[in-house]
Amino acid sequence: MNKPKIGVVGIPGKWSTEVLADALEQRTGHRLVIDLAEVALDLSGPTLTWRGNDLTALDALVVKKVSPVYGPDMLDRIELLCQAEHCGVRVFSPARSILRLVNRLSCTLALRQADIPMPETVITEDVGEAVAAVRRFGQAVFKPLFSTKARGMTLIDADQPEAQLAAQVAAFKADNPMMYLQRRLALGGQDLGLVFLGGEYLGTYARQAQGESWNTTIHSGGRYASYQPSAELIELARQAQRPFQLDFTTVDVAETDQGPIVFEVSAFGGFRGALEGAGIDAASAYADYVLEALS
């Protein structure tokens, strides 16, 4: 029986992309790392190609990243994956599932519609409404609709003159016309990543803030650590990821004085956090999962 030909969509040279490609190559003898920036869709065929490779001839594409920087352009690239699916290529996770998650607003709305507890959140284009929300919250975290690892996020404090507060909000709005802001919660210096494969729970890691940073991301100097969550916390994360029907994901959860809350469900999941914080070889587990799904 011929082994399946599987391509990895990601960022060539980046660790998480390459370890996933390594794991699949060890199992299939085939290696193809695809940068979506170099893919061409010719609808006269139609053909979907990368460096002369016909991607529609593959058995599957496993998506690790679609862009090194989060932004609206990601949506166009994911549409190319939708075309691959239309041509019969199995995509892990499904392209439509990824589309719902790369935009923070669509992810948030889906979570709230599923009654998942989240921080108090306001979405508006109006500076006055945003200022009023900051006054109500005391402190608010302003988040770009497309970002990862807290990039572009801004913490704004209500304890300042009105004009200065409005100026800070307006400065954020200059780059983010649709403003997304959440009440800042006391997280005890850490939040959690709960890892799921095919909807099944694999384990949990913590992200712990270091020094004076207000967020826990590794990008801001945080570190990964092991963590054993309660059964209730695992079930909350399971419910959060369920509507999106992802093949691999990490659910970002935090424990607060008011109970656990969910920040987001990741479109791609975190391999390094799973490995360094929870001892999970996510790349190998994902590769085994893909091959079983294709068999």
Protein backbone atom coordinates (compact mmCIF):
# COMPACT_ATOMS: atom_id res chain seq x y z
CA MET A 1 0.00 0.00 0.00
CA ASN A 2 1.34 3.41 -1.00
CA LYS A 3 1.98 5.83 1.83
CA PRO A 4 0.05 9.09 1.65
CA LYS A 5 1.68 12.26 0.37
CA ILE A 6 1.15 15.01 2.92
CA GLY A 7 2.23 18.64 2.73
CA VAL A 8 2.84 20.89 5.73
CA VAL A 9 1.60 24.46 5.36
CA GLY A 10 3.82 26.68 7.48
CA ILE A 11 6.85 28.92 7.68
CA PRO A 12 9.93 27.18 6.25
CA GLY A 13 12.76 27.10 8.77
CA LYS A 14 10.54 27.76 11.78
CA TRP A 15 10.77 25.16 14.54
CA SER A 16 7.12 24.15 14.82
CA THR A 17 6.75 23.82 11.05
CA GLU A 18 9.90 21.78 10.65
CA VAL A 19 9.27 19.36 13.55
CA LEU A 20 5.84 18.60 12.11
CA ALA A 21 7.39 18.02 8.67
CA ASP A 22 10.03 15.81 10.32
CA ALA A 23 7.39 13.70 12.05
CA LEU A 24 5.40 13.20 8.85
CA GLU A 25 8.53 12.43 6.81
CA GLN A 26 9.59 9.76 9.31
CA ARG A 27 6.22 8.05 8.82
CA THR A 28 5.69 8.51 5.08
CA GLY A 29 9.08 9.13 3.48
CA HIS A 30 7.62 12.29 1.92
CA ARG A 31 8.43 15.88 2.88
CA LEU A 32 6.90 19.07 1.53
CA VAL A 33 6.86 22.35 3.46
CA ILE A 34 4.63 24.91 1.73
CA ASP A 35 4.73 28.68 2.13
CA LEU A 36 1.30 29.99 1.14
CA ALA A 37 2.90 33.26 0.02
CA GLU A 38 4.31 31.31 -2.95
CA VAL A 39 1.15 29.37 -3.87
CA ALA A 40 -0.67 30.15 -7.12
CA LEU A 41 -4.31 29.37 -7.88
CA ASP A 42 -5.18 29.31 -11.58
CA LEU A 43 -8.93 28.99 -11.93
CA SER A 44 -8.77 28.19 -15.65
CA GLY A 45 -7.64 24.70 -14.66
CA PRO A 46 -8.25 24.98 -11.87
CA THR A 47 -4.75 24.34 -10.53
CA LEU A 48 -3.21 25.06 -7.15
CA THR A 49 0.56 24.95 -7.26
CA TRP A 50 3.64 25.67 -5.16
CA ARG A 51 7.06 25.74 -6.84
CA GLY A 52 5.79 23.46 -9.58
CA ASN A 53 4.13 21.03 -7.15
CA ASP A 54 0.47 20.28 -7.80
CA LEU A 55 -1.05 20.59 -4.35
CA THR A 56 -4.32 19.02 -5.46
CA ALA A 57 -2.42 15.76 -6.08
CA LEU A 58 -1.60 15.50 -2.38
CA ASP A 59 -3.60 13.34 -0.01
CA ALA A 60 -3.59 15.98 2.71
CA LEU A 61 -2.31 19.33 3.89
CA VAL A 62 -1.55 19.88 7.58
CA VAL A 63 -1.68 23.56 8.52
CA LYS A 64 0.77 24.83 11.11
CA LYS A 65 0.91 28.50 10.10
CA VAL A 66 -0.47 30.51 7.18
CA SER A 67 1.58 33.67 7.75
CA PRO A 68 4.46 34.81 9.98
CA VAL A 69 2.38 37.87 10.95
CA TYR A 70 -1.32 37.85 11.80
CA GLY A 71 -3.42 40.15 9.62
CA PRO A 72 -6.42 40.30 7.27
CA ASP A 73 -4.26 38.90 4.43
CA MET A 74 -4.43 35.58 6.25
CA LEU A 75 -8.07 35.28 5.23
CA ASP A 76 -7.16 35.30 1.55
CA ARG A 77 -4.54 32.61 2.06
CA ILE A 78 -6.99 30.41 3.93
CA GLU A 79 -9.38 30.71 0.98
CA LEU A 80 -6.72 28.95 -1.09
CA LEU A 81 -6.92 26.07 1.39
CA CYS A 82 -10.69 26.04 0.89
CA GLN A 83 -10.03 25.50 -2.82
CA ALA A 84 -7.69 22.63 -2.02
CA GLU A 85 -10.49 21.02 -0.03
CA HIS A 86 -12.87 21.57 -2.94
CA CYS A 87 -10.40 19.63 -5.11
CA GLY A 88 -10.51 16.69 -2.70
CA VAL A 89 -7.45 17.35 -0.52
CA ARG A 90 -8.01 16.71 3.19
CA VAL A 91 -6.95 19.77 5.21
CA PHE A 92 -6.05 19.51 8.91
CA SER A 93 -7.67 21.55 10.55
CA PRO A 94 -10.49 22.30 8.09
CA ALA A 95 -10.04 25.64 6.36
CA ARG A 96 -13.44 26.96 7.41
CA SER A 97 -12.64 26.15 11.03
CA ILE A 98 -9.40 28.12 10.79
CA LEU A 99 -11.23 31.06 9.18
CA ARG A 100 -13.48 31.36 12.22
CA LEU A 101 -10.52 31.61 14.57
CA VAL A 102 -7.84 33.83 13.05
CA ASN A 103 -10.06 36.87 13.56
CA ARG A 104 -10.34 37.54 17.31
CA LEU A 105 -13.85 38.98 16.94
CA SER A 106 -15.37 35.99 15.16
CA CYS A 107 -13.74 33.64 17.69
CA THR A 108 -15.10 35.67 20.61
CA LEU A 109 -18.62 35.80 19.23
CA ALA A 110 -18.67 32.04 18.67
CA LEU A 111 -17.47 31.42 22.22
CA ARG A 112 -20.04 33.75 23.76
CA GLN A 113 -22.82 32.26 21.65
CA ALA A 114 -21.80 28.91 23.16
CA ASP A 115 -22.07 30.46 26.67
CA ILE A 116 -18.36 30.10 27.37
CA PRO A 117 -17.25 32.45 30.21
CA MET A 118 -14.92 35.19 28.97
CA PRO A 119 -13.62 38.52 30.27
CA GLU A 120 -16.06 41.42 29.91
CA THR A 121 -15.57 42.62 26.35
CA VAL A 122 -16.55 45.67 24.32
CA ILE A 123 -16.19 45.97 20.54
CA THR A 124 -16.65 49.41 19.01
CA GLU A 125 -15.33 51.89 16.47
CA ASP A 126 -16.38 54.83 18.66
CA VAL A 127 -13.67 56.42 20.82
CA GLY A 128 -16.24 57.73 23.32
CA GLU A 129 -17.72 54.26 23.82
CA ALA A 130 -14.26 52.79 24.30
CA VAL A 131 -13.33 55.49 26.84
CA ALA A 132 -16.54 54.81 28.75
CA ALA A 133 -15.71 51.09 28.83
CA VAL A 134 -12.24 51.79 30.21
CA ARG A 135 -13.77 53.96 32.94
CA ARG A 136 -16.18 51.14 33.78
CA PHE A 137 -13.49 48.44 33.78
CA GLY A 138 -10.78 50.43 35.60
CA GLN A 139 -8.17 48.91 33.31
CA ALA A 140 -8.69 47.47 29.85
CA VAL A 141 -6.57 45.46 27.45
CA PHE A 142 -7.00 46.65 23.86
CA LYS A 143 -6.36 43.83 21.40
CA PRO A 144 -5.91 43.87 17.61
CA LEU A 145 -8.40 41.63 15.82
CA PHE A 146 -5.46 39.83 14.21
CA SER A 147 -2.54 39.13 16.56
CA THR A 148 -0.73 36.41 18.45
CA LYS A 149 1.51 36.32 21.55
CA ALA A 150 0.05 39.68 22.72
CA ARG A 151 1.63 41.56 19.81
CA GLY A 152 0.00 44.95 19.39
CA MET A 153 -1.96 44.72 22.63
CA THR A 154 -2.18 47.86 24.77
CA LEU A 155 -3.06 48.21 28.46
CA ILE A 156 -5.00 51.43 29.16
CA ASP A 157 -5.72 52.64 32.70
CA ALA A 158 -8.81 54.66 33.63
CA ASP A 159 -6.91 56.57 36.33
CA GLN A 160 -5.79 59.47 34.14
CA PRO A 161 -7.23 62.73 32.78
CA GLU A 162 -10.04 62.38 30.25
CA ALA A 163 -8.10 63.99 27.41
CA GLN A 164 -5.09 61.75 27.98
CA LEU A 165 -7.28 58.64 28.15
CA ALA A 166 -9.08 59.61 24.93
CA ALA A 167 -5.73 60.22 23.24
CA GLN A 168 -4.49 56.75 24.16
CA VAL A 169 -7.66 55.18 22.82
CA ALA A 170 -7.45 57.23 19.62
CA ALA A 171 -3.82 56.16 19.15
CA PHE A 172 -4.87 52.50 19.31
CA LYS A 173 -7.79 53.16 16.95
CA ALA A 174 -5.43 54.66 14.37
CA ASP A 175 -4.11 51.15 13.67
CA ASN A 176 -7.25 49.25 14.74
CA PRO A 177 -10.45 50.93 13.46
CA MET A 178 -12.63 48.26 15.08
CA MET A 179 -11.50 48.33 18.69
CA TYR A 180 -11.67 45.19 20.81
CA LEU A 181 -11.12 45.70 24.54
CA GLN A 182 -11.49 43.54 27.61
CA ARG A 183 -11.51 44.19 31.33
CA ARG A 184 -8.09 43.39 32.74
CA LEU A 185 -8.42 40.57 35.24
CA ALA A 186 -6.11 39.48 38.06
CA LEU A 187 -4.61 36.23 36.76
CA GLY A 188 -2.04 35.55 39.45
CA GLY A 189 0.79 35.89 36.95
CA GLN A 190 -0.14 32.95 34.76
CA ASP A 191 -2.61 31.56 32.28
CA LEU A 192 -2.99 28.09 30.82
CA GLY A 193 -2.90 26.31 27.49
CA LEU A 194 -5.03 23.17 27.33
CA VAL A 195 -4.08 20.99 24.37
CA PHE A 196 -6.60 18.99 22.31
CA LEU A 197 -6.11 16.58 19.41
CA GLY A 198 -9.22 15.57 17.51
CA GLY A 199 -11.29 16.92 20.39
CA GLU A 200 -9.49 14.73 22.92
CA TYR A 201 -7.60 16.31 25.81
CA LEU A 202 -3.81 15.74 25.81
CA GLY A 203 -2.49 17.91 28.62
CA THR A 204 -1.95 21.41 29.99
CA TYR A 205 0.90 23.86 30.29
CA ALA A 206 1.12 27.18 32.11
CA ARG A 207 2.54 30.45 30.81
CA GLN A 208 4.03 32.38 33.69
CA ALA A 209 4.86 36.09 33.55
CA GLN A 210 8.35 37.21 34.50
CA GLY A 211 9.43 40.56 35.90
CA GLU A 212 7.10 43.52 35.43
CA SER A 213 5.32 42.32 32.28
CA TRP A 214 1.53 42.58 32.49
CA ASN A 215 1.06 39.59 30.16
CA THR A 216 2.35 36.04 30.29
CA THR A 217 3.41 35.43 26.70
CA ILE A 218 6.81 34.00 25.87
CA HIS A 219 7.19 36.92 23.46
CA SER A 220 7.12 39.20 26.54
CA GLY A 221 9.57 37.13 28.57
CA GLY A 222 7.21 34.57 30.12
CA ARG A 223 8.12 30.94 30.59
CA TYR A 224 6.36 27.61 30.23
CA ALA A 225 5.67 25.41 33.25
CA SER A 226 3.76 22.22 34.00
CA TYR A 227 0.25 22.41 35.43
CA GLN A 228 -2.43 19.94 36.48
CA PRO A 229 -5.91 21.40 35.92
CA SER A 230 -9.12 20.30 37.58
CA ALA A 231 -11.64 18.13 35.76
CA GLU A 232 -13.95 21.17 35.61
CA LEU A 233 -11.29 23.25 33.89
CA ILE A 234 -10.63 20.53 31.32
CA GLU A 235 -14.35 20.25 30.59
CA LEU A 236 -14.64 24.03 30.14
CA ALA A 237 -11.82 23.98 27.59
CA ARG A 238 -13.36 20.96 25.87
CA GLN A 239 -16.64 22.83 25.49
CA ALA A 240 -14.82 25.92 24.20
CA GLN A 241 -13.03 24.11 21.37
CA ARG A 242 -15.93 21.85 20.40
CA PRO A 243 -17.86 24.30 18.12
CA PHE A 244 -14.84 24.83 15.89
CA GLN A 245 -14.21 21.15 15.00
CA LEU A 246 -10.43 21.53 14.95
CA ASP A 247 -7.98 18.69 14.53
CA PHE A 248 -5.36 20.27 16.79
CA THR A 249 -5.73 23.27 19.07
CA THR A 250 -4.79 24.94 22.33
CA VAL A 251 -7.47 26.63 24.46
CA ASP A 252 -6.21 29.64 26.43
CA VAL A 253 -7.77 29.61 29.90
CA ALA A 254 -7.19 31.58 33.11
CA GLU A 255 -8.33 31.09 36.67
CA THR A 256 -9.68 34.24 38.35
CA ASP A 257 -11.39 35.16 41.61
CA GLN A 258 -14.70 35.02 39.74
CA GLY A 259 -13.98 31.58 38.30
CA PRO A 260 -12.25 30.31 35.15
CA ILE A 261 -12.50 32.22 31.89
CA VAL A 262 -11.49 31.46 28.30
CA PHE A 263 -9.48 33.98 26.29
CA GLU A 264 -9.44 32.22 22.94
CA VAL A 265 -9.20 28.99 21.00
CA SER A 266 -6.09 28.79 18.82
CA ALA A 267 -6.41 28.13 15.11
CA PHE A 268 -3.07 26.31 15.10
CA GLY A 269 -2.14 25.28 18.66
CA GLY A 270 1.19 25.62 20.44
CA PHE A 271 3.80 22.88 19.90
CA ARG A 272 6.55 24.45 22.00
CA GLY A 273 4.36 25.10 25.02
CA ALA A 274 3.02 21.55 24.84
CA LEU A 275 6.56 20.14 24.73
CA GLU A 276 8.34 22.38 27.24
CA GLY A 277 5.46 22.84 29.66
CA ALA A 278 3.56 19.57 29.46
CA GLY A 279 6.09 17.12 27.99
CA ILE A 280 3.82 16.45 25.01
CA ASP A 281 5.41 15.71 21.63
CA ALA A 282 2.54 17.34 19.76
CA ALA A 283 4.18 17.02 16.34
CA SER A 284 4.44 13.23 16.63
CA ALA A 285 0.95 12.89 18.09
CA TYR A 286 -0.49 15.05 15.32
CA ALA A 287 1.34 13.07 12.62
CA ASP A 288 -0.04 9.79 13.98
CA TYR A 289 -3.52 11.31 14.13
CA VAL A 290 -3.34 12.49 10.51
CA LEU A 291 -2.19 9.12 9.21
CA GLU A 292 -4.93 7.30 11.13
CA ALA A 293 -7.55 9.71 9.74
CA LEU A 294 -6.33 9.05 6.18
CA SER A 295 -6.18 5.26 6.52
